[in-house]
Amino acid sequence: MNYSSAKKKIIVICGPTGVGKTGFAIELAQRFNGEIIGADSMQIYKYMDIGTAKPDQSERELARHHLIDFVEPYEEFDAGKYMEAADGAINDIYSRSDSQFNLALPKIPIVVGGTGFYIKALLHGLFRDGTVDKEVIDKLEREKQEKGSYALHERLSLLDPEAAKRIHPNDGFRIVRALEVVEVTGNPISAFQDQHAFSSQRYITLKIGLYMDRAELYRRIEKRVDMMVEQGFLEEVEQLISMGYGCHLKSMQSIGYRHICNFLSGSVPWYETVCLLKRDTRRYAKRQLTWFRQQDKDIIWLEPHAIEETQELITNFLEMDNFYDDKQ
């Protein structure tokens, strides 16, 4: 695997929710004068702090963070927009670095999060076939407004079952995009995506995945949910609704927020709400871990206490131009 010397080096810290990525990344950022770029599809939203376990002010003072707290809860945001924003953050970090590979004065971007598709898009790019038909897009957008994204998702299930499996029924942007490709080209977007196969390498990357004993991870998740409740998660959702961010929004249908919304609507009692939130967060963590293990065989898996081992890996990574060649 040969990389152009012009490509920038970045570090990725990924893994399931609750495993301790934030603290781990902050420690590394302090040791290497790095800056953290969020890769979390929920921490991007303003005002959604407790339910997303967003780094608090004291944590942000320990290391500079990018791509956190910058999108309104009603705004559409996808992997393509994330890729563009993360590219901008990486370029900004490098523009302020005295020397890209000088260990005395490094300025290294550290991408941190559990949204695997965001990370994959950043590292490998996204499929683009150039078939953007504004007339078709406008028609599908009108249908989405009139009938809702679920109705369009049902149509996509008939026209492109593989794409429908990959796209959440609430993700109106991607549903419209997939239907547009079918209507314009006559072929499913999944076929084009399979050909693309995310084969390009946009950055030279060291990927660290964090894991721990599953029983311990689940205990941490349940404790974190209890802490969220104590910190005022219910009040946070009530405040969001009072600000005009209704429960129908995609951001408000994420884990935690939809659970509180269901409680506020009277459909689920409080005790059951908390139990369901813990259960669904455990299941989400399991899916995240499975996704990362299946999608990327280059991830080096370590436990969150392995800071010294990680520091050695990063030091070698920054010093060696042929780091990945030696690993093959």
Protein backbone atom coordinates (compact mmCIF):
# COMPACT_ATOMS: atom_id res chain seq x y z
CA MET A 1 0.00 0.00 0.00
CA ASN A 2 1.74 3.17 -1.17
CA TYR A 3 0.78 6.61 0.08
CA SER A 4 1.64 9.96 -1.39
CA SER A 5 3.82 12.02 0.92
CA ALA A 6 1.40 14.88 0.28
CA LYS A 7 -1.33 13.08 2.22
CA LYS A 8 -1.81 14.24 5.79
CA LYS A 9 -1.49 11.93 8.77
CA ILE A 10 -4.39 11.65 11.18
CA ILE A 11 -5.25 9.46 14.16
CA VAL A 12 -8.66 7.85 14.61
CA ILE A 13 -10.02 6.76 18.00
CA CYS A 14 -13.22 4.76 17.58
CA GLY A 15 -15.31 2.22 19.44
CA PRO A 16 -18.70 1.71 21.11
CA THR A 17 -20.53 4.27 23.17
CA GLY A 18 -19.57 4.35 26.84
CA VAL A 19 -16.12 2.82 26.38
CA GLY A 20 -14.21 5.99 27.32
CA LYS A 21 -13.15 7.48 23.99
CA THR A 22 -13.34 11.11 25.14
CA GLY A 23 -11.00 10.81 28.11
CA PHE A 24 -8.63 8.59 26.17
CA ALA A 25 -8.43 11.06 23.28
CA ILE A 26 -7.94 14.07 25.55
CA GLU A 27 -4.99 12.35 27.23
CA LEU A 28 -3.41 11.68 23.83
CA ALA A 29 -4.13 15.20 22.60
CA GLN A 30 -2.27 16.60 25.61
CA ARG A 31 0.71 14.33 25.05
CA PHE A 32 1.00 15.08 21.33
CA ASN A 33 -0.31 18.64 21.11
CA GLY A 34 -3.21 17.26 19.14
CA GLU A 35 -6.68 18.62 18.48
CA ILE A 36 -9.84 16.53 18.57
CA ILE A 37 -12.28 16.29 15.66
CA GLY A 38 -15.62 14.81 16.68
CA ALA A 39 -17.06 11.92 14.68
CA ASP A 40 -20.41 11.62 16.44
CA SER A 41 -23.66 12.13 14.54
CA MET A 42 -25.40 13.53 17.64
CA GLN A 43 -22.75 15.66 19.33
CA ILE A 44 -22.82 17.93 16.28
CA TYR A 45 -26.15 19.38 17.46
CA LYS A 46 -26.47 22.51 19.56
CA TYR A 47 -28.39 22.35 22.87
CA MET A 48 -28.28 18.52 22.92
CA ASP A 49 -25.63 18.08 25.59
CA ILE A 50 -26.65 15.60 28.28
CA GLY A 51 -28.25 12.97 26.06
CA THR A 52 -25.27 12.93 23.68
CA ALA A 53 -22.63 12.75 26.46
CA LYS A 54 -20.99 15.75 24.80
CA PRO A 55 -17.58 16.80 26.22
CA ASP A 56 -18.22 19.46 28.84
CA GLN A 57 -16.47 22.82 29.09
CA SER A 58 -13.71 21.55 31.36
CA GLU A 59 -12.90 18.73 28.93
CA ARG A 60 -12.86 21.15 25.99
CA GLU A 61 -10.41 23.34 27.88
CA LEU A 62 -8.02 20.39 28.18
CA ALA A 63 -7.94 19.90 24.39
CA ARG A 64 -9.36 21.89 21.51
CA HIS A 65 -12.44 20.23 19.95
CA HIS A 66 -13.85 20.61 16.44
CA LEU A 67 -17.23 19.57 14.93
CA ILE A 68 -19.12 19.64 18.21
CA ASP A 69 -22.07 21.94 18.91
CA PHE A 70 -22.31 23.57 15.48
CA VAL A 71 -25.54 22.31 13.82
CA GLU A 72 -29.10 23.33 14.66
CA PRO A 73 -31.29 20.34 15.69
CA TYR A 74 -33.63 20.94 12.73
CA GLU A 75 -30.84 20.94 10.12
CA GLU A 76 -30.21 18.04 7.76
CA PHE A 77 -26.70 16.67 8.16
CA ASP A 78 -25.13 13.64 6.50
CA ALA A 79 -21.82 11.89 5.91
CA GLY A 80 -21.03 14.06 2.90
CA LYS A 81 -21.39 17.25 4.93
CA TYR A 82 -19.38 15.67 7.72
CA MET A 83 -16.56 14.79 5.32
CA GLU A 84 -16.37 18.37 4.07
CA ALA A 85 -16.43 19.82 7.60
CA ALA A 86 -13.81 17.36 8.87
CA ASP A 87 -11.56 18.08 5.88
CA GLY A 88 -11.79 21.74 6.79
CA ALA A 89 -10.90 21.06 10.42
CA ILE A 90 -7.91 18.91 9.43
CA ASN A 91 -6.63 21.59 7.06
CA ASP A 92 -7.06 24.20 9.77
CA ILE A 93 -5.09 22.14 12.29
CA TYR A 94 -2.27 21.55 9.83
CA SER A 95 -2.20 25.20 8.81
CA ARG A 96 -1.38 26.09 12.42
CA SER A 97 1.30 23.42 12.80
CA ASP A 98 4.92 24.56 12.74
CA SER A 99 5.98 21.19 11.38
CA GLN A 100 3.77 18.30 10.34
CA PHE A 101 6.17 15.57 11.35
CA ASN A 102 8.37 17.29 13.94
CA LEU A 103 7.68 15.47 17.20
CA ALA A 104 8.91 18.47 19.19
CA LEU A 105 6.10 20.64 17.82
CA PRO A 106 3.42 18.31 16.41
CA LYS A 107 -0.06 19.44 15.56
CA ILE A 108 -1.93 16.23 14.85
CA PRO A 109 -5.68 15.83 14.18
CA ILE A 110 -7.31 13.14 16.34
CA VAL A 111 -10.69 12.01 14.97
CA VAL A 112 -12.80 10.64 17.81
CA GLY A 113 -16.24 9.06 17.76
CA GLY A 114 -18.52 6.12 17.29
CA THR A 115 -20.34 7.03 14.06
CA GLY A 116 -18.63 4.55 11.79
CA PHE A 117 -20.05 5.81 8.52
CA TYR A 118 -18.77 9.32 9.20
CA ILE A 119 -15.29 7.96 9.81
CA LYS A 120 -15.46 5.74 6.75
CA ALA A 121 -16.56 8.65 4.57
CA LEU A 122 -13.71 10.82 5.86
CA LEU A 123 -11.05 8.17 5.28
CA HIS A 124 -12.29 6.78 1.94
CA GLY A 125 -14.64 9.32 0.42
CA LEU A 126 -18.22 8.81 -0.72
CA PHE A 127 -19.74 7.45 -3.88
CA ARG A 128 -20.61 10.25 -6.31
CA ASP A 129 -21.95 9.49 -9.80
CA GLY A 130 -22.66 13.06 -10.84
CA THR A 131 -26.32 12.33 -11.65
CA VAL A 132 -27.92 15.24 -9.82
CA ASP A 133 -31.21 16.08 -11.49
CA LYS A 134 -32.72 19.13 -9.77
CA GLU A 135 -36.17 18.51 -11.22
CA VAL A 136 -36.25 14.97 -9.84
CA ILE A 137 -34.82 16.10 -6.52
CA ASP A 138 -37.44 18.85 -6.18
CA LYS A 139 -40.24 16.40 -6.98
CA LEU A 140 -39.00 13.90 -4.38
CA GLU A 141 -38.56 16.66 -1.81
CA ARG A 142 -42.19 17.72 -2.32
CA GLU A 143 -43.30 14.11 -1.86
CA LYS A 144 -41.24 13.88 1.32
CA GLN A 145 -42.95 16.98 2.70
CA GLU A 146 -46.41 15.70 1.76
CA LYS A 147 -46.12 12.00 2.60
CA GLY A 148 -43.14 11.80 4.96
CA SER A 149 -39.80 10.02 4.67
CA TYR A 150 -41.30 6.67 5.74
CA ALA A 151 -43.47 6.55 2.61
CA LEU A 152 -40.45 7.23 0.41
CA HIS A 153 -38.47 4.62 2.32
CA GLU A 154 -41.15 2.03 1.52
CA ARG A 155 -40.81 2.87 -2.18
CA LEU A 156 -37.04 2.58 -1.92
CA SER A 157 -37.48 -0.87 -0.32
CA LEU A 158 -39.14 -2.00 -3.55
CA LEU A 159 -36.72 -0.32 -5.95
CA ASP A 160 -33.44 -0.84 -4.09
CA PRO A 161 -33.82 -3.21 -1.10
CA GLU A 162 -30.09 -3.15 -0.33
CA ALA A 163 -30.00 0.64 -0.06
CA ALA A 164 -33.18 0.63 2.04
CA LYS A 165 -31.51 -1.69 4.55
CA ARG A 166 -28.60 0.75 4.91
CA ILE A 167 -30.71 3.90 5.26
CA HIS A 168 -32.85 4.74 8.29
CA PRO A 169 -36.49 5.61 7.44
CA ASN A 170 -35.96 9.01 9.10
CA ASP A 171 -32.96 9.87 6.91
CA GLY A 172 -34.86 11.82 4.28
CA PHE A 173 -31.74 13.23 2.61
CA ARG A 174 -30.24 9.82 1.78
CA ILE A 175 -33.62 8.35 0.82
CA VAL A 176 -34.21 11.14 -1.69
CA ARG A 177 -30.66 10.73 -3.02
CA ALA A 178 -31.11 6.98 -3.50
CA LEU A 179 -34.48 7.38 -5.25
CA GLU A 180 -33.04 10.11 -7.49
CA VAL A 181 -30.26 7.78 -8.68
CA VAL A 182 -32.80 5.05 -9.50
CA GLU A 183 -35.06 7.44 -11.41
CA VAL A 184 -32.24 9.13 -13.36
CA THR A 185 -30.03 6.12 -14.15
CA GLY A 186 -32.46 3.21 -13.92
CA ASN A 187 -29.98 1.44 -11.63
CA PRO A 188 -29.94 1.13 -7.82
CA ILE A 189 -27.51 3.33 -5.91
CA SER A 190 -26.37 0.26 -3.97
CA ALA A 191 -24.84 -1.18 -7.15
CA PHE A 192 -22.80 2.00 -7.72
CA GLN A 193 -21.76 2.04 -4.05
CA ASP A 194 -20.61 -1.58 -4.24
CA GLN A 195 -18.46 -0.70 -7.26
CA HIS A 196 -17.00 2.27 -5.38
CA ALA A 197 -16.29 0.02 -2.35
CA PHE A 198 -14.72 2.90 -0.41
CA SER A 199 -11.38 1.88 -1.88
CA SER A 200 -9.65 5.26 -1.98
CA GLN A 201 -7.35 6.37 0.84
CA ARG A 202 -7.75 10.08 1.59
CA TYR A 203 -5.40 10.26 4.59
CA ILE A 204 -2.56 8.31 6.12
CA THR A 205 -4.28 6.97 9.20
CA LEU A 206 -3.52 5.20 12.45
CA LYS A 207 -6.76 3.66 13.69
CA ILE A 208 -7.19 2.73 17.35
CA GLY A 209 -10.36 0.95 18.49
CA LEU A 210 -11.26 0.85 22.17
CA TYR A 211 -12.94 -2.17 23.71
CA MET A 212 -13.50 -3.74 27.13
CA ASP A 213 -15.23 -6.73 28.66
CA ARG A 214 -18.83 -6.58 27.49
CA ALA A 215 -20.31 -6.98 30.95
CA GLU A 216 -18.21 -4.06 32.20
CA LEU A 217 -19.17 -1.96 29.18
CA TYR A 218 -22.85 -2.60 29.86
CA ARG A 219 -22.42 -1.62 33.53
CA ARG A 220 -20.76 1.64 32.41
CA ILE A 221 -23.61 2.33 30.00
CA GLU A 222 -26.26 1.80 32.64
CA LYS A 223 -24.39 4.01 35.10
CA ARG A 224 -24.09 6.70 32.44
CA VAL A 225 -27.83 6.64 31.77
CA ASP A 226 -28.46 7.09 35.50
CA MET A 227 -26.04 10.03 35.51
CA MET A 228 -27.80 11.59 32.52
CA VAL A 229 -31.10 11.44 34.40
CA GLU A 230 -29.51 12.99 37.49
CA GLN A 231 -27.95 15.75 35.37
CA GLY A 232 -31.36 16.74 33.99
CA PHE A 233 -31.84 14.85 30.73
CA LEU A 234 -35.64 15.09 31.04
CA GLU A 235 -35.42 18.84 31.53
CA GLU A 236 -33.06 19.14 28.54
CA VAL A 237 -35.62 17.51 26.24
CA GLU A 238 -38.43 19.65 27.66
CA GLN A 239 -36.31 22.75 26.98
CA LEU A 240 -35.63 21.63 23.40
CA ILE A 241 -39.35 21.17 22.78
CA SER A 242 -40.10 24.59 24.29
CA MET A 243 -37.55 26.08 21.86
CA GLY A 244 -39.51 24.64 18.94
CA TYR A 245 -37.47 21.50 18.30
CA GLY A 246 -40.26 18.96 18.08
CA CYS A 247 -40.03 15.23 18.64
CA HIS A 248 -40.65 14.62 14.92
CA LEU A 249 -37.16 15.90 14.02
CA LYS A 250 -34.53 13.36 13.00
CA SER A 251 -32.23 14.60 15.77
CA MET A 252 -34.99 14.10 18.35
CA GLN A 253 -35.62 10.55 17.16
CA SER A 254 -32.17 9.37 18.22
CA ILE A 255 -31.46 7.10 21.18
CA GLY A 256 -32.38 8.80 24.43
CA TYR A 257 -34.26 11.73 22.97
CA ARG A 258 -36.98 9.59 21.43
CA HIS A 259 -37.28 7.70 24.73
CA ILE A 260 -37.86 10.91 26.66
CA CYS A 261 -40.27 12.10 23.96
CA ASN A 262 -42.29 8.92 24.35
CA PHE A 263 -42.46 9.50 28.11
CA LEU A 264 -43.55 13.12 27.67
CA SER A 265 -46.28 12.02 25.26
CA GLY A 266 -47.64 9.74 27.98
CA SER A 267 -47.14 6.54 26.00
CA VAL A 268 -44.44 5.04 28.26
CA PRO A 269 -44.12 5.32 32.07
CA TRP A 270 -40.88 6.72 33.55
CA TYR A 271 -39.46 3.48 34.97
CA GLU A 272 -39.97 1.70 31.64
CA THR A 273 -38.47 4.68 29.79
CA VAL A 274 -35.21 4.40 31.72
CA CYS A 275 -35.10 0.61 31.31
CA LEU A 276 -35.68 0.86 27.55
CA LEU A 277 -33.04 3.55 27.24
CA LYS A 278 -30.47 1.36 28.97
CA ARG A 279 -31.42 -1.66 26.86
CA ASP A 280 -31.34 0.21 23.55
CA THR A 281 -28.02 1.89 24.38
CA ARG A 282 -26.50 -1.52 25.16
CA ARG A 283 -27.78 -2.83 21.84
CA TYR A 284 -26.41 0.21 20.03
CA ALA A 285 -22.97 -0.30 21.57
CA LYS A 286 -23.03 -3.92 20.42
CA ARG A 287 -23.93 -2.86 16.86
CA GLN A 288 -21.16 -0.27 16.84
CA LEU A 289 -18.54 -2.79 17.89
CA THR A 290 -19.74 -5.31 15.31
CA TRP A 291 -19.74 -2.64 12.57
CA PHE A 292 -16.18 -1.49 13.25
CA ARG A 293 -14.84 -5.06 13.43
CA GLN A 294 -16.52 -6.06 10.17
CA GLN A 295 -15.81 -2.86 8.21
CA ASP A 296 -12.16 -2.18 9.02
CA LYS A 297 -9.52 -4.84 9.59
CA ASP A 298 -6.77 -2.22 10.03
CA ILE A 299 -8.08 -1.05 13.41
CA ILE A 300 -5.72 -1.83 16.29
CA TRP A 301 -7.89 -2.84 19.26
CA LEU A 302 -6.78 -1.78 22.73
CA GLU A 303 -8.34 -1.34 26.16
CA PRO A 304 -8.88 2.23 27.43
CA HIS A 305 -6.06 1.93 29.98
CA ALA A 306 -3.47 1.21 27.25
CA ILE A 307 -2.32 4.82 26.99
CA GLU A 308 1.41 4.03 27.05
CA GLU A 309 1.08 1.43 24.30
CA THR A 310 -0.96 3.87 22.24
CA GLN A 311 1.63 6.60 22.76
CA GLU A 312 4.32 4.30 21.37
CA LEU A 313 2.15 3.47 18.36
CA ILE A 314 1.52 7.14 17.65
CA THR A 315 5.20 8.04 18.04
CA ASN A 316 6.17 5.35 15.53
CA PHE A 317 3.35 6.38 13.22
CA LEU A 318 4.44 10.02 13.14
CA GLU A 319 8.11 9.15 12.65
CA MET A 320 7.74 6.50 9.94
CA ASP A 321 6.70 7.37 6.39
CA ASN A 322 6.18 3.68 5.62
CA PHE A 323 4.19 2.79 8.74
CA TYR A 324 1.46 0.93 6.86
CA ASP A 325 3.84 -0.73 4.45
CA ASP A 326 5.65 -2.30 7.41
CA LYS A 327 2.33 -3.60 8.76
CA GLN A 328 1.40 -5.44 5.59
